[in-house]
């Protein structure tokens, strides 16, 4: 006989919804302050004044709670980023301006959410579900950014514009990730301010996109 999959029990009454909201908010605070290593349902219960039994009634285990929290928060992040990129597409006529604004929006998006992203990246090392959700949001963000730049394909001088904008996204993401300390113990800033780092990235990207592909 198959073992039932762990699950989340969706609240139906307003009081139950309020309690679940309290759990999620408390979980974010605990996770970003203490990190996943010290995240326990007992400590969460203590902070939120929601009994451990009530937490277990809603979430079969800690892993389900964290997975649902990640889905919820990443959905919010995605909606905010999607709207911001959409606004750029409506208001920026040229590649350089779209690139500059998209870089700024994406960078601030990651910086604003860095504590939670860092925590989930640590969990993802041993939790496949968390890892898959994180990978999916990365690829969605990548497509959003690249599709914006490709609306200016007529300005891009590279032989393969799709490949070129993909490289630009990688340059941007890796630069921000190093600066914020994603996947490392300490941020790597190379003695650059936040704005200096973004300006250098934009200069490299523009030079690359506006330079013809070298003959082999």
Protein backbone atom coordinates (compact mmCIF):
# COMPACT_ATOMS: atom_id res chain seq x y z
CA UNK A 1 0.00 0.00 0.00
CA UNK A 2 1.41 3.37 -1.03
CA UNK A 3 2.31 5.91 1.65
CA UNK A 4 0.23 9.11 1.35
CA UNK A 5 2.20 12.13 0.16
CA UNK A 6 2.74 14.92 2.72
CA UNK A 7 0.41 17.81 2.12
CA UNK A 8 -0.81 21.26 3.05
CA UNK A 9 -4.33 21.60 4.43
CA UNK A 10 -5.86 24.75 3.01
CA UNK A 11 -7.70 26.91 5.59
CA UNK A 12 -11.41 27.54 4.98
CA UNK A 13 -12.48 29.86 7.78
CA UNK A 14 -11.20 33.42 8.21
CA UNK A 15 -9.77 32.63 11.64
CA UNK A 16 -7.87 29.67 10.22
CA UNK A 17 -6.60 31.80 7.31
CA UNK A 18 -5.37 34.44 9.75
CA UNK A 19 -3.53 31.77 11.72
CA UNK A 20 -1.86 30.43 8.58
CA UNK A 21 -0.85 33.95 7.59
CA UNK A 22 0.74 34.38 11.00
CA UNK A 23 2.64 31.13 10.52
CA UNK A 24 3.97 32.20 7.11
CA UNK A 25 5.03 35.65 8.31
CA UNK A 26 6.70 34.18 11.37
CA UNK A 27 8.45 31.59 9.21
CA UNK A 28 9.93 34.28 6.96
CA UNK A 29 11.25 36.20 9.95
CA UNK A 30 12.69 33.09 11.61
CA UNK A 31 14.22 31.78 8.38
CA UNK A 32 15.92 35.05 7.45
CA UNK A 33 17.11 35.82 11.00
CA UNK A 34 18.34 32.38 12.08
CA UNK A 35 18.82 30.55 8.79
CA UNK A 36 17.53 27.08 7.85
CA UNK A 37 19.91 25.36 10.28
CA UNK A 38 18.09 26.79 13.30
CA UNK A 39 14.59 26.76 11.83
CA UNK A 40 12.35 24.52 13.96
CA UNK A 41 8.59 24.30 14.31
CA UNK A 42 9.02 24.59 18.06
CA UNK A 43 10.74 27.97 17.70
CA UNK A 44 8.17 29.05 15.11
CA UNK A 45 5.39 28.15 17.52
CA UNK A 46 7.05 30.15 20.28
CA UNK A 47 7.38 33.23 18.06
CA UNK A 48 3.92 33.13 16.49
CA UNK A 49 1.96 31.92 19.53
CA UNK A 50 0.47 29.22 17.31
CA UNK A 51 0.70 25.79 18.91
CA UNK A 52 2.95 23.13 17.40
CA UNK A 53 -0.14 20.95 17.04
CA UNK A 54 -1.91 23.62 15.02
CA UNK A 55 1.12 24.00 12.76
CA UNK A 56 1.26 20.24 12.19
CA UNK A 57 -2.47 20.22 11.47
CA UNK A 58 -1.90 22.61 8.56
CA UNK A 59 1.46 21.24 7.38
CA UNK A 60 2.40 17.57 7.61
CA UNK A 61 6.01 18.49 8.33
CA UNK A 62 8.58 21.30 8.27
CA UNK A 63 9.57 20.51 4.68
CA UNK A 64 6.01 21.04 3.41
CA UNK A 65 5.74 24.32 5.31
CA UNK A 66 8.99 25.62 3.79
CA UNK A 67 8.02 24.43 0.32
CA UNK A 68 4.66 26.20 0.49
CA UNK A 69 6.33 29.31 1.88
CA UNK A 70 8.80 29.34 -1.00
CA UNK A 71 6.04 28.92 -3.61
CA UNK A 72 4.03 31.71 -2.04
CA UNK A 73 6.91 34.20 -1.73
CA UNK A 74 8.45 33.38 -5.10
CA UNK A 75 5.05 33.87 -6.74
CA UNK A 76 4.91 37.37 -5.23
CA UNK A 77 8.47 38.07 -6.40
CA UNK A 78 7.65 36.86 -9.91
CA UNK A 79 4.52 38.99 -10.18
CA UNK A 80 6.41 42.12 -9.08
CA UNK A 81 9.30 41.47 -11.47
CA UNK A 82 6.97 40.63 -14.36
CA UNK A 83 5.03 43.86 -13.92
CA UNK A 84 8.21 45.93 -13.69
CA UNK A 85 9.68 44.40 -16.86
CA UNK A 86 6.36 44.89 -18.64
CA UNK A 87 6.47 48.59 -17.75
CA UNK A 88 9.98 48.86 -19.22
CA UNK A 89 8.78 47.27 -22.46
CA UNK A 90 6.06 49.91 -22.75
CA UNK A 91 8.23 52.91 -21.96
CA UNK A 92 11.72 52.25 -23.35
CA UNK A 93 12.21 52.74 -27.08
CA UNK A 94 15.89 51.84 -27.39
CA UNK A 95 18.06 48.90 -26.39
CA UNK A 96 20.45 50.85 -24.15
CA UNK A 97 17.67 52.26 -22.00
CA UNK A 98 15.83 48.94 -21.78
CA UNK A 99 19.06 47.22 -20.77
CA UNK A 100 19.88 49.81 -18.12
CA UNK A 101 16.39 49.72 -16.61
CA UNK A 102 16.06 45.94 -16.77
CA UNK A 103 19.43 45.52 -15.04
CA UNK A 104 18.40 47.93 -12.30
CA UNK A 105 15.00 46.25 -11.78
CA UNK A 106 16.44 42.74 -11.69
CA UNK A 107 19.30 43.73 -9.40
CA UNK A 108 17.02 45.47 -6.90
CA UNK A 109 14.62 42.54 -7.09
CA UNK A 110 17.38 40.17 -5.98
CA UNK A 111 18.83 42.57 -3.39
CA UNK A 112 15.44 43.24 -1.78
CA UNK A 113 14.76 39.51 -1.44
CA UNK A 114 18.35 38.39 -0.79
CA UNK A 115 17.91 37.11 2.81
CA UNK A 116 15.06 34.79 1.83
CA UNK A 117 16.70 33.70 -1.43
CA UNK A 118 19.92 32.84 0.43
CA UNK A 119 18.00 30.73 2.93
CA UNK A 120 16.17 28.79 0.22
CA UNK A 121 19.40 28.28 -1.72
CA UNK A 122 20.88 26.58 1.36
CA UNK A 123 17.81 24.39 1.77
CA UNK A 124 17.88 23.52 -1.95
CA UNK A 125 21.20 21.72 -1.47
CA UNK A 126 19.35 18.88 0.27
CA UNK A 127 15.71 19.42 -0.73
CA UNK A 128 14.78 18.52 -4.31
CA UNK A 129 11.39 20.28 -4.20
CA UNK A 130 12.90 23.55 -3.04
CA UNK A 131 15.65 23.19 -5.65
CA UNK A 132 13.18 22.66 -8.52
CA UNK A 133 11.07 25.66 -7.52
CA UNK A 134 14.17 27.86 -7.32
CA UNK A 135 15.40 26.66 -10.72
CA UNK A 136 12.01 27.31 -12.28
CA UNK A 137 11.81 30.91 -11.04
CA UNK A 138 15.35 31.51 -12.29
CA UNK A 139 14.45 30.32 -15.79
CA UNK A 140 11.22 32.33 -15.79
CA UNK A 141 13.13 35.47 -14.83
CA UNK A 142 15.74 34.71 -17.47
CA UNK A 143 13.09 34.40 -20.21
CA UNK A 144 11.43 37.62 -19.08
CA UNK A 145 14.71 39.55 -19.27
CA UNK A 146 15.85 38.04 -22.56
CA UNK A 147 12.51 38.54 -24.29
CA UNK A 148 12.60 42.21 -23.34
CA UNK A 149 16.03 42.68 -24.93
CA UNK A 150 14.97 40.77 -28.03
CA UNK A 151 12.29 43.37 -28.72
CA UNK A 152 15.32 45.45 -29.79
CA UNK A 153 16.82 42.70 -31.96
CA UNK A 154 17.22 45.16 -34.82
CA UNK A 155 19.86 46.99 -32.73
CA UNK A 156 21.79 43.88 -31.71
CA UNK A 157 24.83 43.34 -33.94
CA UNK A 158 25.64 39.79 -32.90
CA UNK A 159 25.11 36.98 -35.38
CA UNK A 160 22.82 35.11 -32.96
CA UNK A 161 20.76 37.64 -30.95
CA UNK A 162 19.08 34.97 -28.81
CA UNK A 163 22.43 33.59 -27.73
CA UNK A 164 23.76 37.10 -27.14
CA UNK A 165 20.98 38.19 -24.79
CA UNK A 166 21.29 34.85 -22.98
CA UNK A 167 24.95 35.63 -22.34
CA UNK A 168 23.98 39.09 -21.10
CA UNK A 169 21.59 37.64 -18.56
CA UNK A 170 24.24 35.24 -17.29
CA UNK A 171 26.74 38.09 -16.91
CA UNK A 172 24.20 40.12 -14.95
CA UNK A 173 22.96 37.31 -12.73
CA UNK A 174 26.40 35.99 -11.85
CA UNK A 175 27.67 39.50 -11.06
CA UNK A 176 24.75 40.21 -8.74
CA UNK A 177 24.93 36.76 -7.14
CA UNK A 178 28.64 37.24 -6.32
CA UNK A 179 28.03 40.72 -4.97
CA UNK A 180 25.19 39.56 -2.70
CA UNK A 181 26.95 36.41 -1.56
CA UNK A 182 24.62 33.85 -3.07
CA UNK A 183 26.22 30.44 -2.84
CA UNK A 184 29.26 31.73 -0.93
CA UNK A 185 30.08 32.57 2.66
CA UNK A 186 30.80 36.22 2.02
CA UNK A 187 29.81 38.71 -0.71
CA UNK A 188 32.49 39.36 -3.34
CA UNK A 189 32.34 43.06 -4.23
CA UNK A 190 35.78 43.61 -5.82
CA UNK A 191 35.80 46.96 -3.95
CA UNK A 192 33.00 48.28 -6.16
CA UNK A 193 29.90 50.04 -4.93
CA UNK A 194 26.53 48.60 -5.93
CA UNK A 195 26.04 51.26 -8.63
CA UNK A 196 29.60 50.89 -9.92
CA UNK A 197 29.11 47.16 -10.30
CA UNK A 198 25.86 47.62 -12.26
CA UNK A 199 27.41 50.32 -14.46
CA UNK A 200 30.34 48.06 -15.35
CA UNK A 201 28.00 45.18 -16.18
CA UNK A 202 25.88 47.43 -18.42
CA UNK A 203 28.97 48.72 -20.24
CA UNK A 204 30.20 45.18 -20.91
CA UNK A 205 26.76 44.07 -22.10
CA UNK A 206 26.28 47.04 -24.42
CA UNK A 207 29.74 46.68 -25.93
CA UNK A 208 29.07 42.98 -26.54
CA UNK A 209 25.58 43.42 -28.02
CA UNK A 210 26.58 46.32 -30.28
CA UNK A 211 29.78 44.70 -31.58
CA UNK A 212 29.55 42.47 -34.66
CA UNK A 213 30.44 38.79 -34.25
CA UNK A 214 34.12 38.25 -35.04
CA UNK A 215 34.86 36.22 -38.14
CA UNK A 216 36.25 32.76 -37.41
